[in-house]
Amino acid sequence: MAYTGFIAVLLVVSLLYVRPADFAAVIRSADVRHAAWLTTWTSLLSALLALGFALPVGYALSRFRLPGRAVLDTLVDVPIILPHLVVGVALLIFFRTALGRAIQGLGLAFVYAPEGIVLAQFVCVSPYAVRTVKAALDAVDPRIEDVARTLGWPAHQVFLRVTLPMIRNGIVAGGVIAWALAMGLYGPLMVFAGTTRSRTEVMATSVYLELSVGRIGPALAIAILLVLFTMACLLVFKRLAGRTGSLW
């Protein structure tokens, strides 16, 4: 309770610092509106991609005795350990290698492009989705899946009809965590995708740009709008999840 109270105090003092004129200027800004739209669709896409990656990887780490599994498991956590800024630098260096240039030669532009935002978000949030999905799988008794196989169900039916329904809450939680993290990510985006107005500027980098020129009021206004939007989405989701009995 003390922690949540402290967070509430931080939000309140930030809100009281911002003048109504700052909120009005931010809302009228075409650049901020573009950043809000870019933040929304890139974070959703990267969260979906992270879930698509987390399901097979989490399943493999949970169910199979892979050679070097401990090493693979640790590698998944590397983006969590590394400062996110370093992830952006590593991506930038990768796309300067022969392989990176070959990928971009196929028409897949990532450096200083909106696609780079999605890639950087995906790399940074995927480990959290993998960890959440793997934890959900670890909580499922493998003998339940074995029973389904003894009844003649093929592996894909066991996964779709038995495993997936049992880890549904973990999948949803992983997706929500990945999305929320992607919404506030800015370090690797600054390095890898840039902060070009109306092109690669997201809400988090908008806050940084405003702070860099000493505009604390507008910076806090953007940050508060981002927090309120994210909280509203989470509250709606939790209300819907509570009605279906699937709240994680």
C-alpha atoms as a PDB file:
ATOM      1  CA  MET A   1       0.000   0.000   0.000  1.00  0.00           C
ATOM      2  CA  ALA A   2       2.838   2.400   0.796  1.00  0.00           C
ATOM      3  CA  TYR A   3       4.352   1.813  -2.635  1.00  0.00           C
ATOM      4  CA  THR A   4       1.092   2.399  -4.506  1.00  0.00           C
ATOM      5  CA  GLY A   5       0.500   5.507  -2.421  1.00  0.00           C
ATOM      6  CA  PHE A   6       3.943   6.830  -3.359  1.00  0.00           C
ATOM      7  CA  ILE A   7       3.253   6.214  -7.061  1.00  0.00           C
ATOM      8  CA  ALA A   8      -0.056   8.057  -6.717  1.00  0.00           C
ATOM      9  CA  VAL A   9       1.741  10.992  -5.079  1.00  0.00           C
ATOM     10  CA  LEU A  10       4.248  11.143  -7.947  1.00  0.00           C
ATOM     11  CA  LEU A  11       1.403  11.271 -10.467  1.00  0.00           C
ATOM     12  CA  VAL A  12      -0.449  13.948  -8.524  1.00  0.00           C
ATOM     13  CA  VAL A  13       2.552  16.260  -8.082  1.00  0.00           C
ATOM     14  CA  SER A  14       3.392  15.884 -11.781  1.00  0.00           C
ATOM     15  CA  LEU A  15      -0.193  16.687 -12.704  1.00  0.00           C
ATOM     16  CA  LEU A  16      -0.242  19.758 -10.469  1.00  0.00           C
ATOM     17  CA  TYR A  17       2.985  21.028 -12.040  1.00  0.00           C
ATOM     18  CA  VAL A  18       1.514  21.075 -15.549  1.00  0.00           C
ATOM     19  CA  ARG A  19      -0.536  24.091 -16.604  1.00  0.00           C
ATOM     20  CA  PRO A  20      -3.757  23.660 -18.603  1.00  0.00           C
ATOM     21  CA  ALA A  21      -2.062  25.581 -21.416  1.00  0.00           C
ATOM     22  CA  ASP A  22       0.599  22.856 -21.621  1.00  0.00           C
ATOM     23  CA  PHE A  23      -2.038  20.157 -22.073  1.00  0.00           C
ATOM     24  CA  ALA A  24      -3.825  22.269 -24.680  1.00  0.00           C
ATOM     25  CA  ALA A  25      -0.616  22.871 -26.638  1.00  0.00           C
ATOM     26  CA  VAL A  26       0.302  19.194 -26.550  1.00  0.00           C
ATOM     27  CA  ILE A  27      -3.139  18.045 -27.689  1.00  0.00           C
ATOM     28  CA  ARG A  28      -3.151  20.572 -30.558  1.00  0.00           C
ATOM     29  CA  SER A  29       0.314  19.533 -31.738  1.00  0.00           C
ATOM     30  CA  ALA A  30       0.227  17.486 -34.945  1.00  0.00           C
ATOM     31  CA  ASP A  31       3.639  16.029 -34.080  1.00  0.00           C
ATOM     32  CA  VAL A  32       2.397  14.734 -30.724  1.00  0.00           C
ATOM     33  CA  ARG A  33      -0.732  13.247 -32.295  1.00  0.00           C
ATOM     34  CA  HIS A  34       1.435  11.458 -34.845  1.00  0.00           C
ATOM     35  CA  ALA A  35       3.721  10.235 -32.061  1.00  0.00           C
ATOM     36  CA  ALA A  36       0.692   8.918 -30.159  1.00  0.00           C
ATOM     37  CA  TRP A  37      -0.561   7.002 -33.203  1.00  0.00           C
ATOM     38  CA  LEU A  38       2.931   5.654 -33.943  1.00  0.00           C
ATOM     39  CA  THR A  39       3.346   4.573 -30.317  1.00  0.00           C
ATOM     40  CA  THR A  40       0.001   2.768 -30.354  1.00  0.00           C
ATOM     41  CA  TRP A  41       0.413   0.679 -33.481  1.00  0.00           C
ATOM     42  CA  THR A  42       4.103  -0.119 -33.053  1.00  0.00           C
ATOM     43  CA  SER A  43       3.630  -1.263 -29.447  1.00  0.00           C
ATOM     44  CA  LEU A  44       0.657  -3.441 -30.394  1.00  0.00           C
ATOM     45  CA  LEU A  45       2.521  -5.004 -33.310  1.00  0.00           C
ATOM     46  CA  SER A  46       5.691  -5.637 -31.308  1.00  0.00           C
ATOM     47  CA  ALA A  47       3.638  -7.209 -28.484  1.00  0.00           C
ATOM     48  CA  LEU A  48       1.912  -9.555 -30.945  1.00  0.00           C
ATOM     49  CA  LEU A  49       5.262 -10.483 -32.492  1.00  0.00           C
ATOM     50  CA  ALA A  50       6.711 -11.052 -29.016  1.00  0.00           C
ATOM     51  CA  LEU A  51       3.853 -13.431 -28.194  1.00  0.00           C
ATOM     52  CA  GLY A  52       4.341 -15.270 -31.472  1.00  0.00           C
ATOM     53  CA  PHE A  53       7.992 -15.700 -30.508  1.00  0.00           C
ATOM     54  CA  ALA A  54       7.298 -16.515 -26.852  1.00  0.00           C
ATOM     55  CA  LEU A  55       4.941 -19.425 -27.490  1.00  0.00           C
ATOM     56  CA  PRO A  56       7.356 -21.751 -29.343  1.00  0.00           C
ATOM     57  CA  VAL A  57      10.425 -20.623 -27.390  1.00  0.00           C
ATOM     58  CA  GLY A  58       8.701 -20.870 -24.019  1.00  0.00           C
ATOM     59  CA  TYR A  59       7.276 -24.269 -24.933  1.00  0.00           C
ATOM     60  CA  ALA A  60      10.667 -25.575 -26.067  1.00  0.00           C
ATOM     61  CA  LEU A  61      12.423 -24.352 -22.918  1.00  0.00           C
ATOM     62  CA  SER A  62       9.701 -25.765 -20.677  1.00  0.00           C
ATOM     63  CA  ARG A  63       9.054 -29.137 -22.294  1.00  0.00           C
ATOM     64  CA  PHE A  64      12.185 -30.279 -24.138  1.00  0.00           C
ATOM     65  CA  ARG A  65      15.591 -31.289 -22.784  1.00  0.00           C
ATOM     66  CA  LEU A  66      17.534 -29.335 -25.375  1.00  0.00           C
ATOM     67  CA  PRO A  67      21.333 -29.522 -25.509  1.00  0.00           C
ATOM     68  CA  GLY A  68      22.683 -26.392 -23.894  1.00  0.00           C
ATOM     69  CA  ARG A  69      19.241 -25.465 -22.582  1.00  0.00           C
ATOM     70  CA  ALA A  70      20.730 -23.485 -19.685  1.00  0.00           C
ATOM     71  CA  VAL A  71      22.736 -21.382 -22.138  1.00  0.00           C
ATOM     72  CA  LEU A  72      19.713 -20.830 -24.380  1.00  0.00           C
ATOM     73  CA  ASP A  73      17.606 -19.927 -21.370  1.00  0.00           C
ATOM     74  CA  THR A  74      20.204 -17.373 -20.293  1.00  0.00           C
ATOM     75  CA  LEU A  75      20.508 -15.885 -23.790  1.00  0.00           C
ATOM     76  CA  VAL A  76      16.793 -15.150 -23.753  1.00  0.00           C
ATOM     77  CA  ASP A  77      17.394 -12.957 -20.695  1.00  0.00           C
ATOM     78  CA  VAL A  78      20.231 -10.932 -22.240  1.00  0.00           C
ATOM     79  CA  PRO A  79      17.978  -8.036 -23.403  1.00  0.00           C
ATOM     80  CA  ILE A  80      16.677  -7.818 -19.822  1.00  0.00           C
ATOM     81  CA  ILE A  81      20.202  -7.617 -18.378  1.00  0.00           C
ATOM     82  CA  LEU A  82      21.589  -5.182 -20.945  1.00  0.00           C
ATOM     83  CA  PRO A  83      20.728  -1.494 -20.737  1.00  0.00           C
ATOM     84  CA  HIS A  84      18.156  -0.908 -23.450  1.00  0.00           C
ATOM     85  CA  LEU A  85      20.362   1.791 -24.935  1.00  0.00           C
ATOM     86  CA  VAL A  86      23.002  -0.872 -25.614  1.00  0.00           C
ATOM     87  CA  VAL A  87      20.389  -2.962 -27.438  1.00  0.00           C
ATOM     88  CA  GLY A  88      19.834  -0.029 -29.786  1.00  0.00           C
ATOM     89  CA  VAL A  89      23.572   0.329 -30.384  1.00  0.00           C
ATOM     90  CA  ALA A  90      23.895  -3.425 -31.066  1.00  0.00           C
ATOM     91  CA  LEU A  91      21.054  -3.283 -33.602  1.00  0.00           C
ATOM     92  CA  LEU A  92      22.665  -0.313 -35.313  1.00  0.00           C
ATOM     93  CA  ILE A  93      25.994  -2.146 -35.560  1.00  0.00           C
ATOM     94  CA  PHE A  94      24.295  -5.322 -36.828  1.00  0.00           C
ATOM     95  CA  PHE A  95      22.723  -3.495 -39.755  1.00  0.00           C
ATOM     96  CA  ARG A  96      26.149  -2.195 -40.721  1.00  0.00           C
ATOM     97  CA  THR A  97      27.436  -5.747 -41.192  1.00  0.00           C
ATOM     98  CA  ALA A  98      27.233  -7.630 -44.491  1.00  0.00           C
ATOM     99  CA  LEU A  99      24.198  -9.594 -43.296  1.00  0.00           C
ATOM    100  CA  GLY A 100      22.450  -6.454 -42.101  1.00  0.00           C
ATOM    101  CA  ARG A 101      23.083  -4.669 -45.388  1.00  0.00           C
ATOM    102  CA  ALA A 102      21.809  -7.721 -47.265  1.00  0.00           C
ATOM    103  CA  ILE A 103      18.573  -7.636 -45.260  1.00  0.00           C
ATOM    104  CA  GLN A 104      18.098  -3.964 -46.024  1.00  0.00           C
ATOM    105  CA  GLY A 105      18.930  -4.692 -49.655  1.00  0.00           C
ATOM    106  CA  LEU A 106      15.750  -6.782 -49.784  1.00  0.00           C
ATOM    107  CA  GLY A 107      13.759  -3.613 -49.192  1.00  0.00           C
ATOM    108  CA  LEU A 108      13.449  -4.096 -45.423  1.00  0.00           C
ATOM    109  CA  ALA A 109      14.498  -0.716 -44.059  1.00  0.00           C
ATOM    110  CA  PHE A 110      14.922  -0.675 -40.294  1.00  0.00           C
ATOM    111  CA  VAL A 111      17.557   1.937 -39.461  1.00  0.00           C
ATOM    112  CA  TYR A 112      15.952   5.313 -38.733  1.00  0.00           C
ATOM    113  CA  ALA A 113      12.591   4.021 -39.928  1.00  0.00           C
ATOM    114  CA  PRO A 114       9.267   3.141 -38.242  1.00  0.00           C
ATOM    115  CA  GLU A 115      10.009  -0.529 -38.868  1.00  0.00           C
ATOM    116  CA  GLY A 116      13.076  -0.086 -36.688  1.00  0.00           C
ATOM    117  CA  ILE A 117      10.834   0.990 -33.820  1.00  0.00           C
ATOM    118  CA  VAL A 118       8.955  -2.310 -34.020  1.00  0.00           C
ATOM    119  CA  LEU A 119      12.192  -4.307 -34.210  1.00  0.00           C
ATOM    120  CA  ALA A 120      13.772  -2.544 -31.223  1.00  0.00           C
ATOM    121  CA  GLN A 121      10.599  -2.926 -29.177  1.00  0.00           C
ATOM    122  CA  PHE A 122      10.353  -6.603 -30.139  1.00  0.00           C
ATOM    123  CA  VAL A 123      13.932  -7.331 -29.058  1.00  0.00           C
ATOM    124  CA  CYS A 124      13.490  -5.561 -25.713  1.00  0.00           C
ATOM    125  CA  VAL A 125      10.053  -6.899 -24.705  1.00  0.00           C
ATOM    126  CA  SER A 126      10.236 -10.475 -26.016  1.00  0.00           C
ATOM    127  CA  PRO A 127      12.162 -11.844 -22.996  1.00  0.00           C
ATOM    128  CA  TYR A 128       9.365 -10.726 -20.672  1.00  0.00           C
ATOM    129  CA  ALA A 129       6.771 -12.471 -22.827  1.00  0.00           C
ATOM    130  CA  VAL A 130       8.913 -15.627 -22.971  1.00  0.00           C
ATOM    131  CA  ARG A 131       9.366 -15.656 -19.200  1.00  0.00           C
ATOM    132  CA  THR A 132       5.630 -15.216 -18.574  1.00  0.00           C
ATOM    133  CA  VAL A 133       4.603 -17.912 -21.051  1.00  0.00           C
ATOM    134  CA  LYS A 134       7.284 -20.320 -19.800  1.00  0.00           C
ATOM    135  CA  ALA A 135       6.169 -19.813 -16.195  1.00  0.00           C
ATOM    136  CA  ALA A 136       2.599 -20.637 -17.226  1.00  0.00           C
ATOM    137  CA  LEU A 137       3.785 -23.775 -19.027  1.00  0.00           C
ATOM    138  CA  ASP A 138       5.912 -24.860 -16.071  1.00  0.00           C
ATOM    139  CA  ALA A 139       2.781 -24.706 -13.912  1.00  0.00           C
ATOM    140  CA  VAL A 140       0.961 -27.199 -16.167  1.00  0.00           C
ATOM    141  CA  ASP A 141       1.522 -30.857 -15.274  1.00  0.00           C
ATOM    142  CA  PRO A 142       2.998 -32.555 -18.382  1.00  0.00           C
ATOM    143  CA  ARG A 143       1.097 -35.721 -17.434  1.00  0.00           C
ATOM    144  CA  ILE A 144      -2.125 -34.021 -18.520  1.00  0.00           C
ATOM    145  CA  GLU A 145      -0.691 -33.673 -22.016  1.00  0.00           C
ATOM    146  CA  ASP A 146       0.554 -37.271 -21.875  1.00  0.00           C
ATOM    147  CA  VAL A 147      -2.969 -38.489 -21.111  1.00  0.00           C
ATOM    148  CA  ALA A 148      -4.290 -36.639 -24.152  1.00  0.00           C
ATOM    149  CA  ARG A 149      -1.643 -38.289 -26.321  1.00  0.00           C
ATOM    150  CA  THR A 150      -2.559 -41.749 -25.027  1.00  0.00           C
ATOM    151  CA  LEU A 151      -6.111 -41.059 -26.232  1.00  0.00           C
ATOM    152  CA  GLY A 152      -4.760 -40.789 -29.750  1.00  0.00           C
ATOM    153  CA  TRP A 153      -4.571 -37.034 -30.162  1.00  0.00           C
ATOM    154  CA  PRO A 154      -1.666 -35.828 -32.325  1.00  0.00           C
ATOM    155  CA  ALA A 155       0.807 -33.357 -30.867  1.00  0.00           C
ATOM    156  CA  HIS A 156      -0.709 -30.279 -32.514  1.00  0.00           C
ATOM    157  CA  GLN A 157      -4.187 -31.102 -31.179  1.00  0.00           C
ATOM    158  CA  VAL A 158      -2.805 -31.632 -27.682  1.00  0.00           C
ATOM    159  CA  PHE A 159      -1.163 -28.220 -27.852  1.00  0.00           C
ATOM    160  CA  LEU A 160      -4.220 -26.436 -29.270  1.00  0.00           C
ATOM    161  CA  ARG A 161      -6.936 -28.157 -27.219  1.00  0.00           C
ATOM    162  CA  VAL A 162      -5.177 -28.918 -23.944  1.00  0.00           C
ATOM    163  CA  THR A 163      -2.074 -26.791 -23.443  1.00  0.00           C
ATOM    164  CA  LEU A 164      -3.203 -23.466 -24.881  1.00  0.00           C
ATOM    165  CA  PRO A 165      -6.446 -23.229 -22.872  1.00  0.00           C
ATOM    166  CA  MET A 166      -4.533 -24.013 -19.676  1.00  0.00           C
ATOM    167  CA  ILE A 167      -1.938 -21.284 -20.237  1.00  0.00           C
ATOM    168  CA  ARG A 168      -4.386 -18.707 -21.622  1.00  0.00           C
ATOM    169  CA  ASN A 169      -3.947 -16.365 -18.671  1.00  0.00           C
ATOM    170  CA  GLY A 170      -0.167 -16.534 -18.983  1.00  0.00           C
ATOM    171  CA  ILE A 171      -0.334 -15.726 -22.694  1.00  0.00           C
ATOM    172  CA  VAL A 172      -2.593 -12.747 -22.103  1.00  0.00           C
ATOM    173  CA  ALA A 173      -0.435 -11.513 -19.228  1.00  0.00           C
ATOM    174  CA  GLY A 174       2.697 -11.837 -21.355  1.00  0.00           C
ATOM    175  CA  GLY A 175       1.084  -9.861 -24.158  1.00  0.00           C
ATOM    176  CA  VAL A 176      -0.081  -7.095 -21.837  1.00  0.00           C
ATOM    177  CA  ILE A 177       3.319  -6.827 -20.155  1.00  0.00           C
ATOM    178  CA  ALA A 178       5.074  -6.704 -23.538  1.00  0.00           C
ATOM    179  CA  TRP A 179       2.666  -4.031 -24.798  1.00  0.00           C
ATOM    180  CA  ALA A 180       3.014  -1.870 -21.678  1.00  0.00           C
ATOM    181  CA  LEU A 181       6.813  -2.061 -21.816  1.00  0.00           C
ATOM    182  CA  ALA A 182       6.838  -1.209 -25.525  1.00  0.00           C
ATOM    183  CA  MET A 183       4.637   1.829 -24.887  1.00  0.00           C
ATOM    184  CA  GLY A 184       7.248   3.401 -22.607  1.00  0.00           C
ATOM    185  CA  LEU A 185      10.424   2.286 -24.381  1.00  0.00           C
ATOM    186  CA  TYR A 186      12.680   5.049 -25.672  1.00  0.00           C
ATOM    187  CA  GLY A 187      16.418   4.336 -25.203  1.00  0.00           C
ATOM    188  CA  PRO A 188      16.999   1.927 -28.112  1.00  0.00           C
ATOM    189  CA  LEU A 189      14.537   3.829 -30.285  1.00  0.00           C
ATOM    190  CA  MET A 190      16.576   7.014 -30.001  1.00  0.00           C
ATOM    191  CA  VAL A 191      19.745   5.238 -31.134  1.00  0.00           C
ATOM    192  CA  PHE A 192      18.346   2.846 -33.734  1.00  0.00           C
ATOM    193  CA  ALA A 193      15.215   4.502 -35.128  1.00  0.00           C
ATOM    194  CA  GLY A 194      15.922   8.147 -34.372  1.00  0.00           C
ATOM    195  CA  THR A 195      13.572  10.861 -33.147  1.00  0.00           C
ATOM    196  CA  THR A 196      12.513  12.533 -36.389  1.00  0.00           C
ATOM    197  CA  ARG A 197       9.337  14.536 -35.940  1.00  0.00           C
ATOM    198  CA  SER A 198       6.282  13.031 -37.660  1.00  0.00           C
ATOM    199  CA  ARG A 199       8.314   9.979 -38.722  1.00  0.00           C
ATOM    200  CA  THR A 200      10.025   8.047 -35.917  1.00  0.00           C
ATOM    201  CA  GLU A 201       9.089  10.094 -32.859  1.00  0.00           C
ATOM    202  CA  VAL A 202       7.035   8.153 -30.296  1.00  0.00           C
ATOM    203  CA  MET A 203       5.500   9.460 -27.079  1.00  0.00           C
ATOM    204  CA  ALA A 204       8.449   8.457 -24.900  1.00  0.00           C
ATOM    205  CA  THR A 205      10.960  10.190 -27.168  1.00  0.00           C
ATOM    206  CA  SER A 206       8.655  13.225 -27.320  1.00  0.00           C
ATOM    207  CA  VAL A 207       9.099  13.534 -23.557  1.00  0.00           C
ATOM    208  CA  TYR A 208      12.882  13.383 -23.965  1.00  0.00           C
ATOM    209  CA  LEU A 209      12.903  15.972 -26.750  1.00  0.00           C
ATOM    210  CA  GLU A 210      10.846  18.401 -24.693  1.00  0.00           C
ATOM    211  CA  LEU A 211      13.085  17.910 -21.652  1.00  0.00           C
ATOM    212  CA  SER A 212      16.222  18.396 -23.756  1.00  0.00           C
ATOM    213  CA  VAL A 213      15.159  21.973 -24.529  1.00  0.00           C
ATOM    214  CA  GLY A 214      13.974  22.714 -20.987  1.00  0.00           C
ATOM    215  CA  ARG A 215      10.225  22.477 -21.679  1.00  0.00           C
ATOM    216  CA  ILE A 216       9.345  20.595 -18.497  1.00  0.00           C
ATOM    217  CA  GLY A 217       5.633  21.428 -18.568  1.00  0.00           C
ATOM    218  CA  PRO A 218       4.933  20.027 -22.059  1.00  0.00           C
ATOM    219  CA  ALA A 219       7.194  17.041 -21.325  1.00  0.00           C
ATOM    220  CA  LEU A 220       5.188  16.176 -18.219  1.00  0.00           C
ATOM    221  CA  ALA A 221       1.932  16.771 -20.101  1.00  0.00           C
ATOM    222  CA  ILE A 222       2.940  14.211 -22.741  1.00  0.00           C
ATOM    223  CA  ALA A 223       4.099  11.769 -20.060  1.00  0.00           C
ATOM    224  CA  ILE A 224       0.837  12.117 -18.127  1.00  0.00           C
ATOM    225  CA  LEU A 225      -1.234  11.559 -21.269  1.00  0.00           C
ATOM    226  CA  LEU A 226       0.821   8.440 -22.001  1.00  0.00           C
ATOM    227  CA  VAL A 227       0.329   7.142 -18.454  1.00  0.00           C
ATOM    228  CA  LEU A 228      -3.407   7.872 -18.470  1.00  0.00           C
ATOM    229  CA  PHE A 229      -3.900   6.167 -21.828  1.00  0.00           C
ATOM    230  CA  THR A 230      -1.955   3.091 -20.725  1.00  0.00           C
ATOM    231  CA  MET A 231      -3.783   2.918 -17.387  1.00  0.00           C
ATOM    232  CA  ALA A 232      -7.163   3.269 -19.106  1.00  0.00           C
ATOM    233  CA  CYS A 233      -6.361   0.393 -21.468  1.00  0.00           C
ATOM    234  CA  LEU A 234      -5.174  -1.789 -18.583  1.00  0.00           C
ATOM    235  CA  LEU A 235      -8.277  -1.017 -16.518  1.00  0.00           C
ATOM    236  CA  VAL A 236     -10.569  -1.876 -19.431  1.00  0.00           C
ATOM    237  CA  PHE A 237      -8.695  -5.106 -19.990  1.00  0.00           C
ATOM    238  CA  LYS A 238      -8.839  -6.070 -16.319  1.00  0.00           C
ATOM    239  CA  ARG A 239     -12.567  -5.341 -16.209  1.00  0.00           C
ATOM    240  CA  LEU A 240     -13.168  -7.537 -19.258  1.00  0.00           C
ATOM    241  CA  ALA A 241     -10.853 -10.236 -17.931  1.00  0.00           C
ATOM    242  CA  GLY A 242     -12.615 -10.178 -14.572  1.00  0.00           C
ATOM    243  CA  ARG A 243     -15.980 -10.737 -16.239  1.00  0.00           C
ATOM    244  CA  THR A 244     -14.705 -13.813 -18.039  1.00  0.00           C
ATOM    245  CA  GLY A 245     -12.893 -15.135 -14.972  1.00  0.00           C
ATOM    246  CA  SER A 246      -9.533 -15.044 -16.734  1.00  0.00           C
ATOM    247  CA  LEU A 247      -7.793 -12.274 -14.838  1.00  0.00           C
ATOM    248  CA  TRP A 248      -4.151 -13.213 -14.353  1.00  0.00           C
END
